[in-house]
C-alpha atoms as a PDB file:
ATOM      1  CA  MET A   1       0.000   0.000   0.000  1.00  0.00           C
ATOM      2  CA  SER A   2       2.965   2.312   0.580  1.00  0.00           C
ATOM      3  CA  THR A   3       3.667   2.400  -3.159  1.00  0.00           C
ATOM      4  CA  ARG A   4       0.105   3.553  -3.813  1.00  0.00           C
ATOM      5  CA  ARG A   5       0.462   6.325  -1.236  1.00  0.00           C
ATOM      6  CA  ASP A   6       3.833   7.372  -2.688  1.00  0.00           C
ATOM      7  CA  PHE A   7       2.331   7.462  -6.167  1.00  0.00           C
ATOM      8  CA  LEU A   8      -0.618   9.436  -4.824  1.00  0.00           C
ATOM      9  CA  HIS A   9       1.559  12.192  -3.446  1.00  0.00           C
ATOM     10  CA  LEU A  10       3.807  12.324  -6.506  1.00  0.00           C
ATOM     11  CA  SER A  11       0.778  12.550  -8.802  1.00  0.00           C
ATOM     12  CA  ALA A  12      -0.864  15.168  -6.627  1.00  0.00           C
ATOM     13  CA  ALA A  13       2.248  17.328  -6.758  1.00  0.00           C
ATOM     14  CA  ALA A  14       2.509  16.940 -10.529  1.00  0.00           C
ATOM     15  CA  THR A  15      -1.059  18.111 -11.129  1.00  0.00           C
ATOM     16  CA  ALA A  16      -1.641  20.642  -8.373  1.00  0.00           C
ATOM     17  CA  ALA A  17      -0.423  23.502 -10.526  1.00  0.00           C
ATOM     18  CA  GLY A  18      -2.918  22.730 -13.280  1.00  0.00           C
ATOM     19  CA  VAL A  19      -5.887  22.361 -10.946  1.00  0.00           C
ATOM     20  CA  LEU A  20      -5.110  25.283  -8.686  1.00  0.00           C
ATOM     21  CA  ALA A  21      -4.247  27.632 -11.529  1.00  0.00           C
ATOM     22  CA  GLY A  22      -7.806  27.522 -12.815  1.00  0.00           C
ATOM     23  CA  PRO A  23      -8.968  31.081 -12.006  1.00  0.00           C
ATOM     24  CA  ALA A  24      -5.831  32.577 -13.518  1.00  0.00           C
ATOM     25  CA  SER A  25      -6.466  30.569 -16.678  1.00  0.00           C
ATOM     26  CA  ALA A  26     -10.024  31.773 -17.092  1.00  0.00           C
ATOM     27  CA  GLN A  27     -11.426  32.380 -20.515  1.00  0.00           C
ATOM     28  CA  ALA A  28     -14.752  33.868 -21.425  1.00  0.00           C
ATOM     29  CA  PRO A  29     -17.362  31.183 -22.188  1.00  0.00           C
ATOM     30  CA  SER A  30     -18.972  31.366 -25.579  1.00  0.00           C
ATOM     31  CA  THR A  31     -22.414  32.908 -25.747  1.00  0.00           C
ATOM     32  CA  ASP A  32     -23.181  30.677 -28.728  1.00  0.00           C
ATOM     33  CA  LEU A  33     -24.650  27.936 -26.559  1.00  0.00           C
ATOM     34  CA  GLY A  34     -26.258  24.971 -28.223  1.00  0.00           C
ATOM     35  CA  ARG A  35     -24.363  25.353 -31.479  1.00  0.00           C
ATOM     36  CA  PRO A  36     -21.778  22.757 -32.480  1.00  0.00           C
ATOM     37  CA  ILE A  37     -18.132  23.472 -31.701  1.00  0.00           C
ATOM     38  CA  PRO A  38     -16.019  22.796 -34.809  1.00  0.00           C
ATOM     39  CA  PRO A  39     -13.351  20.104 -34.517  1.00  0.00           C
ATOM     40  CA  ALA A  40      -9.849  21.228 -33.595  1.00  0.00           C
ATOM     41  CA  GLY A  41      -8.286  19.791 -36.743  1.00  0.00           C
ATOM     42  CA  GLY A  42      -6.677  16.437 -37.317  1.00  0.00           C
ATOM     43  CA  ASP A  43      -7.709  13.540 -39.524  1.00  0.00           C
ATOM     44  CA  ALA A  44      -9.513  11.400 -36.939  1.00  0.00           C
ATOM     45  CA  LEU A  45     -12.917  10.097 -37.961  1.00  0.00           C
ATOM     46  CA  ARG A  46     -15.679  11.793 -35.949  1.00  0.00           C
ATOM     47  CA  LEU A  47     -18.921   9.816 -35.892  1.00  0.00           C
ATOM     48  CA  VAL A  48     -22.047  11.720 -34.904  1.00  0.00           C
ATOM     49  CA  THR A  49     -25.774  11.328 -34.498  1.00  0.00           C
ATOM     50  CA  PHE A  50     -27.505  14.492 -35.662  1.00  0.00           C
ATOM     51  CA  THR A  51     -30.728  16.026 -36.865  1.00  0.00           C
ATOM     52  CA  SER A  52     -31.176  18.448 -39.731  1.00  0.00           C
ATOM     53  CA  GLY A  53     -34.197  20.057 -41.321  1.00  0.00           C
ATOM     54  CA  ALA A  54     -37.837  19.934 -40.357  1.00  0.00           C
ATOM     55  CA  ASP A  55     -38.314  16.188 -39.824  1.00  0.00           C
ATOM     56  CA  GLY A  56     -35.969  16.018 -36.811  1.00  0.00           C
ATOM     57  CA  SER A  57     -35.227  12.336 -37.322  1.00  0.00           C
ATOM     58  CA  PRO A  58     -31.826  11.169 -36.002  1.00  0.00           C
ATOM     59  CA  ARG A  59     -29.275  10.050 -38.559  1.00  0.00           C
ATOM     60  CA  LEU A  60     -25.619   9.155 -38.607  1.00  0.00           C
ATOM     61  CA  GLY A  61     -22.918  11.372 -39.987  1.00  0.00           C
ATOM     62  CA  VAL A  62     -19.225  12.153 -40.027  1.00  0.00           C
ATOM     63  CA  VAL A  63     -17.818  15.534 -39.037  1.00  0.00           C
ATOM     64  CA  ARG A  64     -14.813  16.273 -41.208  1.00  0.00           C
ATOM     65  CA  SER A  65     -11.887  18.484 -40.261  1.00  0.00           C
ATOM     66  CA  ASP A  66     -13.266  21.189 -42.589  1.00  0.00           C
ATOM     67  CA  GLY A  67     -16.336  21.497 -40.345  1.00  0.00           C
ATOM     68  CA  ARG A  68     -18.777  19.803 -42.722  1.00  0.00           C
ATOM     69  CA  VAL A  69     -21.077  16.944 -41.760  1.00  0.00           C
ATOM     70  CA  VAL A  70     -21.433  14.084 -44.236  1.00  0.00           C
ATOM     71  CA  ASP A  71     -24.917  12.567 -43.931  1.00  0.00           C
ATOM     72  CA  LEU A  72     -24.515   8.784 -44.063  1.00  0.00           C
ATOM     73  CA  THR A  73     -28.194   8.250 -44.874  1.00  0.00           C
ATOM     74  CA  GLY A  74     -27.535   9.739 -48.276  1.00  0.00           C
ATOM     75  CA  THR A  75     -24.850   7.243 -49.219  1.00  0.00           C
ATOM     76  CA  ALA A  76     -24.921   3.587 -50.252  1.00  0.00           C
ATOM     77  CA  LEU A  77     -23.649   1.836 -47.130  1.00  0.00           C
ATOM     78  CA  PRO A  78     -25.135  -1.647 -46.859  1.00  0.00           C
ATOM     79  CA  GLY A  79     -24.923  -3.752 -43.733  1.00  0.00           C
ATOM     80  CA  PHE A  80     -26.157  -1.363 -41.023  1.00  0.00           C
ATOM     81  CA  ASP A  81     -28.945   1.068 -40.189  1.00  0.00           C
ATOM     82  CA  SER A  82     -27.617   4.542 -41.009  1.00  0.00           C
ATOM     83  CA  ARG A  83     -29.905   6.031 -38.358  1.00  0.00           C
ATOM     84  CA  ARG A  84     -28.424   4.061 -35.411  1.00  0.00           C
ATOM     85  CA  MET A  85     -24.878   4.298 -34.093  1.00  0.00           C
ATOM     86  CA  VAL A  86     -25.098   0.920 -32.360  1.00  0.00           C
ATOM     87  CA  SER A  87     -26.000  -0.689 -35.689  1.00  0.00           C
ATOM     88  CA  LEU A  88     -22.806   0.722 -37.190  1.00  0.00           C
ATOM     89  CA  ILE A  89     -20.790  -0.491 -34.196  1.00  0.00           C
ATOM     90  CA  GLU A  90     -22.260  -3.985 -34.480  1.00  0.00           C
ATOM     91  CA  ALA A  91     -21.498  -4.120 -38.216  1.00  0.00           C
ATOM     92  CA  GLY A  92     -17.764  -4.241 -37.553  1.00  0.00           C
ATOM     93  CA  PRO A  93     -14.577  -3.091 -39.326  1.00  0.00           C
ATOM     94  CA  GLU A  94     -15.838  -3.397 -42.897  1.00  0.00           C
ATOM     95  CA  ALA A  95     -18.737  -1.043 -42.207  1.00  0.00           C
ATOM     96  CA  LEU A  96     -16.395   1.446 -40.551  1.00  0.00           C
ATOM     97  CA  ALA A  97     -14.055   1.297 -43.550  1.00  0.00           C
ATOM     98  CA  ALA A  98     -17.009   2.060 -45.838  1.00  0.00           C
ATOM     99  CA  VAL A  99     -17.905   5.047 -43.666  1.00  0.00           C
ATOM    100  CA  ARG A 100     -14.360   6.383 -44.018  1.00  0.00           C
ATOM    101  CA  ARG A 101     -14.646   6.219 -47.795  1.00  0.00           C
ATOM    102  CA  ALA A 102     -18.028   7.937 -47.741  1.00  0.00           C
ATOM    103  CA  ALA A 103     -16.729  10.704 -45.490  1.00  0.00           C
ATOM    104  CA  SER A 104     -13.932  11.597 -47.881  1.00  0.00           C
ATOM    105  CA  ALA A 105     -16.232  11.629 -50.906  1.00  0.00           C
ATOM    106  CA  GLY A 106     -19.342  13.366 -49.569  1.00  0.00           C
ATOM    107  CA  GLU A 107     -20.067  17.081 -49.919  1.00  0.00           C
ATOM    108  CA  GLY A 108     -21.439  17.583 -46.428  1.00  0.00           C
ATOM    109  CA  LEU A 109     -23.631  20.048 -44.549  1.00  0.00           C
ATOM    110  CA  GLN A 110     -22.333  23.053 -42.669  1.00  0.00           C
ATOM    111  CA  LEU A 111     -21.815  22.052 -39.044  1.00  0.00           C
ATOM    112  CA  ASP A 112     -23.682  25.075 -37.725  1.00  0.00           C
ATOM    113  CA  THR A 113     -26.826  24.049 -39.624  1.00  0.00           C
ATOM    114  CA  VAL A 114     -27.297  20.755 -37.748  1.00  0.00           C
ATOM    115  CA  ARG A 115     -28.029  19.737 -34.177  1.00  0.00           C
ATOM    116  CA  LEU A 116     -25.672  17.168 -32.697  1.00  0.00           C
ATOM    117  CA  LEU A 117     -27.284  14.624 -30.375  1.00  0.00           C
ATOM    118  CA  ALA A 118     -25.550  12.255 -27.998  1.00  0.00           C
ATOM    119  CA  PRO A 119     -23.686   9.802 -30.274  1.00  0.00           C
ATOM    120  CA  ILE A 120     -25.808   6.982 -28.802  1.00  0.00           C
ATOM    121  CA  PRO A 121     -28.999   8.888 -27.897  1.00  0.00           C
ATOM    122  CA  GLU A 122     -30.880   5.944 -26.376  1.00  0.00           C
ATOM    123  CA  PRO A 123     -28.598   3.309 -24.848  1.00  0.00           C
ATOM    124  CA  THR A 124     -30.366   0.055 -24.050  1.00  0.00           C
ATOM    125  CA  ARG A 125     -28.239  -0.501 -20.939  1.00  0.00           C
ATOM    126  CA  ASN A 126     -27.066   1.709 -18.087  1.00  0.00           C
ATOM    127  CA  ILE A 127     -23.804   3.582 -18.446  1.00  0.00           C
ATOM    128  CA  TYR A 128     -21.052   1.748 -16.573  1.00  0.00           C
ATOM    129  CA  ALA A 129     -18.793   4.011 -14.525  1.00  0.00           C
ATOM    130  CA  VAL A 130     -15.596   3.794 -12.485  1.00  0.00           C
ATOM    131  CA  GLY A 131     -15.238   5.605  -9.167  1.00  0.00           C
ATOM    132  CA  TRP A 132     -12.012   6.849  -7.594  1.00  0.00           C
ATOM    133  CA  ASN A 133      -9.851   6.005 -10.609  1.00  0.00           C
ATOM    134  CA  TYR A 134      -7.576   9.013 -10.077  1.00  0.00           C
ATOM    135  CA  LEU A 135      -5.765   8.758  -6.753  1.00  0.00           C
ATOM    136  CA  GLU A 136      -5.890  12.511  -6.168  1.00  0.00           C
ATOM    137  CA  HIS A 137      -9.693  12.433  -6.512  1.00  0.00           C
ATOM    138  CA  PHE A 138      -9.844   9.605  -3.957  1.00  0.00           C
ATOM    139  CA  GLU A 139      -7.662  11.671  -1.621  1.00  0.00           C
ATOM    140  CA  GLU A 140      -9.824  14.796  -1.901  1.00  0.00           C
ATOM    141  CA  GLY A 141     -12.864  12.642  -1.156  1.00  0.00           C
ATOM    142  CA  GLN A 142     -11.121  11.214   1.895  1.00  0.00           C
ATOM    143  CA  ALA A 143     -10.678  14.719   3.252  1.00  0.00           C
ATOM    144  CA  ILE A 144     -14.393  15.412   2.881  1.00  0.00           C
ATOM    145  CA  ARG A 145     -15.439  12.113   4.441  1.00  0.00           C
ATOM    146  CA  GLY A 146     -12.889  12.351   7.231  1.00  0.00           C
ATOM    147  CA  THR A 147     -11.775   8.764   6.633  1.00  0.00           C
ATOM    148  CA  GLN A 148      -8.460   7.048   6.032  1.00  0.00           C
ATOM    149  CA  ALA A 149      -9.583   4.015   4.055  1.00  0.00           C
ATOM    150  CA  GLU A 150      -7.101   2.091   1.960  1.00  0.00           C
ATOM    151  CA  TYR A 151      -7.244   2.648  -1.783  1.00  0.00           C
ATOM    152  CA  PRO A 152      -9.345  -0.121  -3.380  1.00  0.00           C
ATOM    153  CA  ALA A 153      -7.462  -3.086  -4.804  1.00  0.00           C
ATOM    154  CA  HIS A 154     -10.001  -3.391  -7.643  1.00  0.00           C
ATOM    155  CA  PRO A 155     -11.927  -0.841  -9.720  1.00  0.00           C
ATOM    156  CA  VAL A 156     -15.038   0.575  -8.031  1.00  0.00           C
ATOM    157  CA  PHE A 157     -17.992   0.182 -10.403  1.00  0.00           C
ATOM    158  CA  PHE A 158     -21.423   1.827 -10.430  1.00  0.00           C
ATOM    159  CA  THR A 159     -23.934   2.763 -13.105  1.00  0.00           C
ATOM    160  CA  LYS A 160     -25.790   5.820 -14.358  1.00  0.00           C
ATOM    161  CA  GLY A 161     -29.311   5.319 -15.667  1.00  0.00           C
ATOM    162  CA  VAL A 162     -29.955   5.604 -19.399  1.00  0.00           C
ATOM    163  CA  ASN A 163     -32.157   8.610 -18.578  1.00  0.00           C
ATOM    164  CA  THR A 164     -28.998  10.611 -17.814  1.00  0.00           C
ATOM    165  CA  ILE A 165     -27.871  10.746 -21.440  1.00  0.00           C
ATOM    166  CA  ASN A 166     -27.852  14.291 -22.774  1.00  0.00           C
ATOM    167  CA  GLY A 167     -26.568  15.970 -25.911  1.00  0.00           C
ATOM    168  CA  PRO A 168     -23.180  17.681 -26.126  1.00  0.00           C
ATOM    169  CA  TYR A 169     -24.695  21.177 -26.288  1.00  0.00           C
ATOM    170  CA  ASP A 170     -28.064  20.680 -24.586  1.00  0.00           C
ATOM    171  CA  PRO A 171     -29.055  22.295 -21.257  1.00  0.00           C
ATOM    172  CA  ILE A 172     -28.784  20.363 -18.008  1.00  0.00           C
ATOM    173  CA  PRO A 173     -31.944  20.732 -15.884  1.00  0.00           C
ATOM    174  CA  TYR A 174     -31.592  22.206 -12.394  1.00  0.00           C
ATOM    175  CA  ASP A 175     -34.421  21.595  -9.933  1.00  0.00           C
ATOM    176  CA  ALA A 176     -33.727  23.146  -6.527  1.00  0.00           C
ATOM    177  CA  THR A 177     -36.442  20.997  -4.964  1.00  0.00           C
ATOM    178  CA  VAL A 178     -34.391  17.927  -5.926  1.00  0.00           C
ATOM    179  CA  SER A 179     -30.768  19.031  -5.378  1.00  0.00           C
ATOM    180  CA  THR A 180     -28.729  22.200  -4.939  1.00  0.00           C
ATOM    181  CA  ALA A 181     -25.370  20.415  -4.937  1.00  0.00           C
ATOM    182  CA  ILE A 182     -24.830  19.628  -8.615  1.00  0.00           C
ATOM    183  CA  ASP A 183     -21.163  18.915  -9.351  1.00  0.00           C
ATOM    184  CA  TRP A 184     -18.965  18.378 -12.431  1.00  0.00           C
ATOM    185  CA  GLU A 185     -16.851  15.352 -13.405  1.00  0.00           C
ATOM    186  CA  VAL A 186     -14.988  15.242 -16.722  1.00  0.00           C
ATOM    187  CA  GLU A 187     -14.303  11.693 -17.930  1.00  0.00           C
ATOM    188  CA  LEU A 188     -13.070   9.759 -20.935  1.00  0.00           C
ATOM    189  CA  ALA A 189     -15.854   7.516 -22.237  1.00  0.00           C
ATOM    190  CA  VAL A 190     -15.008   4.139 -23.762  1.00  0.00           C
ATOM    191  CA  ILE A 191     -17.459   2.675 -26.301  1.00  0.00           C
ATOM    192  CA  ILE A 192     -17.443  -1.121 -26.490  1.00  0.00           C
ATOM    193  CA  GLY A 193     -17.391  -2.524 -30.011  1.00  0.00           C
ATOM    194  CA  LYS A 194     -17.285  -6.296 -29.605  1.00  0.00           C
ATOM    195  CA  GLN A 195     -19.250  -8.552 -27.290  1.00  0.00           C
ATOM    196  CA  GLY A 196     -17.222 -10.237 -24.591  1.00  0.00           C
ATOM    197  CA  ARG A 197     -17.346 -11.936 -21.209  1.00  0.00           C
ATOM    198  CA  ASN A 198     -14.383 -12.766 -18.966  1.00  0.00           C
ATOM    199  CA  ILE A 199     -12.165 -10.729 -21.272  1.00  0.00           C
ATOM    200  CA  GLN A 200      -8.434 -10.986 -20.614  1.00  0.00           C
ATOM    201  CA  GLU A 201      -6.462  -7.778 -20.130  1.00  0.00           C
ATOM    202  CA  ALA A 202      -4.270  -8.661 -23.099  1.00  0.00           C
ATOM    203  CA  ASP A 203      -7.348  -8.786 -25.336  1.00  0.00           C
ATOM    204  CA  ALA A 204      -9.323  -5.955 -23.768  1.00  0.00           C
ATOM    205  CA  MET A 205      -8.473  -3.159 -26.179  1.00  0.00           C
ATOM    206  CA  SER A 206      -9.615  -5.242 -29.149  1.00  0.00           C
ATOM    207  CA  HIS A 207     -13.123  -4.918 -27.699  1.00  0.00           C
ATOM    208  CA  VAL A 208     -13.061  -1.094 -27.854  1.00  0.00           C
ATOM    209  CA  PHE A 209     -14.871   0.616 -30.721  1.00  0.00           C
ATOM    210  CA  GLY A 210     -13.943   4.162 -29.839  1.00  0.00           C
ATOM    211  CA  TYR A 211     -13.881   7.067 -27.403  1.00  0.00           C
ATOM    212  CA  SER A 212     -16.020  10.029 -26.469  1.00  0.00           C
ATOM    213  CA  VAL A 213     -16.308  12.744 -23.796  1.00  0.00           C
ATOM    214  CA  ILE A 214     -18.730  12.425 -20.877  1.00  0.00           C
ATOM    215  CA  ASN A 215     -19.452  14.501 -17.786  1.00  0.00           C
ATOM    216  CA  ASP A 216     -20.653  12.400 -14.832  1.00  0.00           C
ATOM    217  CA  THR A 217     -22.711  15.299 -13.483  1.00  0.00           C
ATOM    218  CA  THR A 218     -23.570  14.415  -9.889  1.00  0.00           C
ATOM    219  CA  ALA A 219     -26.006  15.490  -7.150  1.00  0.00           C
ATOM    220  CA  ARG A 220     -23.597  15.351  -4.201  1.00  0.00           C
ATOM    221  CA  ASP A 221     -26.217  15.677  -1.471  1.00  0.00           C
ATOM    222  CA  MET A 222     -28.019  12.624  -2.829  1.00  0.00           C
ATOM    223  CA  GLN A 223     -24.806  10.704  -3.375  1.00  0.00           C
ATOM    224  CA  ILE A 224     -23.323  11.330   0.061  1.00  0.00           C
ATOM    225  CA  LYS A 225     -26.134  12.056   2.509  1.00  0.00           C
ATOM    226  CA  LEU A 226     -29.207  10.277   1.191  1.00  0.00           C
ATOM    227  CA  HIS A 227     -30.195   6.748   0.171  1.00  0.00           C
ATOM    228  CA  GLY A 228     -27.744   4.922   2.428  1.00  0.00           C
ATOM    229  CA  GLY A 229     -24.651   6.371   0.816  1.00  0.00           C
ATOM    230  CA  GLN A 230     -25.045   4.429  -2.426  1.00  0.00           C
ATOM    231  CA  TRP A 231     -24.246   6.362  -5.578  1.00  0.00           C
ATOM    232  CA  PHE A 232     -26.850   5.346  -8.156  1.00  0.00           C
ATOM    233  CA  LYS A 233     -29.538   7.959  -7.437  1.00  0.00           C
ATOM    234  CA  GLY A 234     -27.148  10.889  -7.057  1.00  0.00           C
ATOM    235  CA  LYS A 235     -25.531   9.929 -10.371  1.00  0.00           C
ATOM    236  CA  SER A 236     -28.780   9.317 -12.257  1.00  0.00           C
ATOM    237  CA  LEU A 237     -30.834  12.493 -12.416  1.00  0.00           C
ATOM    238  CA  ASP A 238     -32.449  13.088 -15.796  1.00  0.00           C
ATOM    239  CA  LYS A 239     -30.094  14.581 -18.394  1.00  0.00           C
ATOM    240  CA  HIS A 240     -27.136  14.624 -15.977  1.00  0.00           C
ATOM    241  CA  GLY A 241     -24.810  12.777 -18.344  1.00  0.00           C
ATOM    242  CA  PRO A 242     -23.903  14.911 -21.382  1.00  0.00           C
ATOM    243  CA  ILE A 243     -21.805  12.935 -23.846  1.00  0.00           C
ATOM    244  CA  GLY A 244     -20.239  13.520 -27.246  1.00  0.00           C
ATOM    245  CA  PRO A 245     -19.819  15.505 -29.298  1.00  0.00           C
ATOM    246  CA  TRP A 246     -18.852  12.467 -31.375  1.00  0.00           C
ATOM    247  CA  ILE A 247     -17.134   9.092 -31.192  1.00  0.00           C
ATOM    248  CA  VAL A 248     -13.544   8.817 -32.394  1.00  0.00           C
ATOM    249  CA  PRO A 249     -12.722   5.221 -33.457  1.00  0.00           C
ATOM    250  CA  ALA A 250     -10.088   3.398 -31.440  1.00  0.00           C
ATOM    251  CA  ALA A 251      -7.719   3.174 -34.416  1.00  0.00           C
ATOM    252  CA  ASP A 252      -7.629   6.975 -34.649  1.00  0.00           C
ATOM    253  CA  LEU A 253      -6.711   7.842 -31.061  1.00  0.00           C
ATOM    254  CA  ASP A 254      -4.193   6.835 -28.398  1.00  0.00           C
ATOM    255  CA  PRO A 255      -6.098   7.185 -25.098  1.00  0.00           C
ATOM    256  CA  SER A 256      -3.086   6.799 -22.803  1.00  0.00           C
ATOM    257  CA  ASP A 257      -2.246  10.488 -22.268  1.00  0.00           C
ATOM    258  CA  LEU A 258      -5.169  12.757 -23.138  1.00  0.00           C
ATOM    259  CA  ARG A 259      -5.743  16.025 -21.311  1.00  0.00           C
ATOM    260  CA  LEU A 260      -9.083  16.271 -19.480  1.00  0.00           C
ATOM    261  CA  THR A 261     -10.476  19.692 -18.575  1.00  0.00           C
ATOM    262  CA  THR A 262     -13.619  21.066 -16.970  1.00  0.00           C
ATOM    263  CA  ARG A 263     -14.346  24.781 -17.190  1.00  0.00           C
ATOM    264  CA  VAL A 264     -17.228  26.566 -15.480  1.00  0.00           C
ATOM    265  CA  ASN A 265     -17.955  30.013 -16.873  1.00  0.00           C
ATOM    266  CA  GLY A 266     -14.525  29.909 -18.484  1.00  0.00           C
ATOM    267  CA  VAL A 267     -12.628  29.074 -15.270  1.00  0.00           C
ATOM    268  CA  ILE A 268     -10.642  25.822 -15.231  1.00  0.00           C
ATOM    269  CA  LYS A 269     -11.844  23.518 -12.461  1.00  0.00           C
ATOM    270  CA  GLN A 270     -10.298  20.184 -13.460  1.00  0.00           C
ATOM    271  CA  ASP A 271      -7.080  19.730 -15.402  1.00  0.00           C
ATOM    272  CA  ALA A 272      -5.333  16.349 -15.630  1.00  0.00           C
ATOM    273  CA  THR A 273      -4.499  13.614 -18.112  1.00  0.00           C
ATOM    274  CA  THR A 274      -5.617  10.039 -18.626  1.00  0.00           C
ATOM    275  CA  LYS A 275      -2.021   9.018 -17.903  1.00  0.00           C
ATOM    276  CA  GLN A 276      -2.895   9.539 -14.229  1.00  0.00           C
ATOM    277  CA  MET A 277      -5.581   6.834 -14.208  1.00  0.00           C
ATOM    278  CA  TYR A 278      -4.757   4.254 -11.562  1.00  0.00           C
ATOM    279  CA  PHE A 279      -6.660   1.414 -13.234  1.00  0.00           C
ATOM    280  CA  LYS A 280      -5.860   1.538 -16.946  1.00  0.00           C
ATOM    281  CA  LEU A 281      -8.413   0.726 -19.633  1.00  0.00           C
ATOM    282  CA  PRO A 282      -7.451  -2.955 -20.124  1.00  0.00           C
ATOM    283  CA  ARG A 283      -7.818  -3.605 -16.382  1.00  0.00           C
ATOM    284  CA  ILE A 284     -11.180  -1.809 -16.251  1.00  0.00           C
ATOM    285  CA  ILE A 285     -12.593  -3.775 -19.192  1.00  0.00           C
ATOM    286  CA  ALA A 286     -11.251  -7.100 -17.936  1.00  0.00           C
ATOM    287  CA  GLU A 287     -12.637  -6.715 -14.411  1.00  0.00           C
ATOM    288  CA  LEU A 288     -15.981  -5.304 -15.527  1.00  0.00           C
ATOM    289  CA  SER A 289     -16.477  -8.232 -17.897  1.00  0.00           C
ATOM    290  CA  ARG A 290     -15.919 -10.923 -15.255  1.00  0.00           C
ATOM    291  CA  GLY A 291     -19.196 -12.812 -15.315  1.00  0.00           C
ATOM    292  CA  LEU A 292     -20.844  -9.802 -17.007  1.00  0.00           C
ATOM    293  CA  THR A 293     -21.202  -9.734 -20.785  1.00  0.00           C
ATOM    294  CA  LEU A 294     -20.234  -6.451 -22.416  1.00  0.00           C
ATOM    295  CA  MET A 295     -22.168  -5.620 -25.579  1.00  0.00           C
ATOM    296  CA  PRO A 296     -21.522  -3.414 -28.630  1.00  0.00           C
ATOM    297  CA  GLY A 297     -22.548   0.135 -27.784  1.00  0.00           C
ATOM    298  CA  ASP A 298     -21.963  -0.196 -24.039  1.00  0.00           C
ATOM    299  CA  ILE A 299     -20.548   3.009 -22.555  1.00  0.00           C
ATOM    300  CA  ILE A 300     -17.917   3.041 -19.800  1.00  0.00           C
ATOM    301  CA  ALA A 301     -17.118   6.315 -18.006  1.00  0.00           C
ATOM    302  CA  THR A 302     -13.557   5.749 -16.802  1.00  0.00           C
ATOM    303  CA  GLY A 303     -13.334   8.052 -13.774  1.00  0.00           C
ATOM    304  CA  THR A 304     -12.747  11.712 -13.002  1.00  0.00           C
ATOM    305  CA  PRO A 305      -9.586  13.535 -11.867  1.00  0.00           C
ATOM    306  CA  PRO A 306      -9.340  15.922  -8.891  1.00  0.00           C
ATOM    307  CA  GLY A 307     -10.878  19.372  -8.825  1.00  0.00           C
ATOM    308  CA  VAL A 308     -14.547  18.553  -8.268  1.00  0.00           C
ATOM    309  CA  GLY A 309     -16.641  21.279  -6.668  1.00  0.00           C
ATOM    310  CA  ASN A 310     -17.580  19.273  -3.602  1.00  0.00           C
ATOM    311  CA  ALA A 311     -13.916  19.049  -2.520  1.00  0.00           C
ATOM    312  CA  ARG A 312     -13.256  22.776  -2.715  1.00  0.00           C
ATOM    313  CA  LYS A 313     -13.127  25.040   0.319  1.00  0.00           C
ATOM    314  CA  PRO A 314     -15.800  26.241   0.470  1.00  0.00           C
ATOM    315  CA  PRO A 315     -17.619  23.754  -1.779  1.00  0.00           C
ATOM    316  CA  GLU A 316     -18.667  25.015  -5.210  1.00  0.00           C
ATOM    317  CA  TYR A 317     -21.704  23.749  -7.094  1.00  0.00           C
ATOM    318  CA  LEU A 318     -23.298  24.478 -10.423  1.00  0.00           C
ATOM    319  CA  LYS A 319     -26.167  26.951 -10.465  1.00  0.00           C
ATOM    320  CA  PRO A 320     -28.668  28.138 -13.081  1.00  0.00           C
ATOM    321  CA  GLY A 321     -26.997  30.133 -15.833  1.00  0.00           C
ATOM    322  CA  ASP A 322     -23.594  28.498 -15.397  1.00  0.00           C
ATOM    323  CA  VAL A 323     -21.868  27.221 -18.526  1.00  0.00           C
ATOM    324  CA  MET A 324     -20.051  23.912 -18.061  1.00  0.00           C
ATOM    325  CA  GLU A 325     -17.459  22.974 -20.687  1.00  0.00           C
ATOM    326  CA  THR A 326     -16.066  19.437 -20.659  1.00  0.00           C
ATOM    327  CA  GLU A 327     -13.079  18.712 -22.874  1.00  0.00           C
ATOM    328  CA  VAL A 328     -10.905  15.725 -23.693  1.00  0.00           C
ATOM    329  CA  ALA A 329      -8.061  16.767 -25.979  1.00  0.00           C
ATOM    330  CA  GLY A 330      -7.973  14.811 -29.205  1.00  0.00           C
ATOM    331  CA  ILE A 331     -11.722  14.226 -29.068  1.00  0.00           C
ATOM    332  CA  GLY A 332     -13.700  17.414 -28.476  1.00  0.00           C
ATOM    333  CA  THR A 333     -15.635  19.676 -26.118  1.00  0.00           C
ATOM    334  CA  LEU A 334     -19.110  19.578 -24.607  1.00  0.00           C
ATOM    335  CA  ARG A 335     -20.779  22.865 -23.675  1.00  0.00           C
ATOM    336  CA  ASN A 336     -23.883  22.684 -21.479  1.00  0.00           C
ATOM    337  CA  VAL A 337     -25.755  25.491 -19.741  1.00  0.00           C
ATOM    338  CA  ILE A 338     -27.330  24.789 -16.352  1.00  0.00           C
ATOM    339  CA  GLN A 339     -31.021  25.634 -16.779  1.00  0.00           C
ATOM    340  CA  ALA A 340     -33.531  26.076 -13.967  1.00  0.00           C
ATOM    341  CA  VAL A 341     -36.623  23.893 -14.199  1.00  0.00           C
ATOM    342  CA  PRO A 342     -39.810  26.025 -14.099  1.00  0.00           C
ATOM    343  CA  ALA A 343     -41.549  25.841 -10.734  1.00  0.00           C
END
């Protein structure tokens, strides 16, 4: 256990500057809420679910580096339903290769003329999530709880209900009669591509379809004080799981050292990298799949770094009108306004 504690303090020292320097690194949040944020360049494939025009029906597309969206329903792509991301995932590598060809050939719509939805708008299963996967986050939680528990020897798993899924630029509802302690948690999301049970660590990454950005938005009062201390309810309020803005296929991204950032009203609150994960992705997938079959389209939120509002002195929580930006470098940025629910 001493090596874990040593690593904890080394990691905390390495990241303290980034987390604590947030206010000095403030930037003005965009007033263009709800509109897609163009990709930051690069040739990675960006798979989206979007709506365009009057019918409002979801369809699949690709956002190119030039900011145009290629509508996959308008191309000849046999073998999957071009309105469902999970259908594309299930169709395997050949379907994805066909999508790449279509993306390079299509004309595309202007990004600012479409509405991006969550890449998988209606998951059929709860979102799997990992708690305390950054040692510094575990340590800041220890301070709040006033405990000195040993760091877990295995990943801590919980789930968020499917009702939490929200679009990358959609408002997050705030109901003061339910909770006034809404907190932020930037996380890398892993999208499973191949069914598996009792997956070995050595084979785990072959089961990954791609990556996205998720914010495990949490009602801290519910999570900590109510319902026996279990996490499900506090993690599962409606629309408290914005995800997107797209999925980047596994072949296009190295997830081992990606910068994760949360900004609230332009002020940096969380700033770390996936390199600081204690349980790496192969370990997470292997342990989660023990006796539990993972399916194509399953979403795994891989844990949040330090800097959450509940650990600050005094605690800070989201309030109506706040703009929460959640970014994973190499993938993209979510921008969600906190919106009061009418009384």
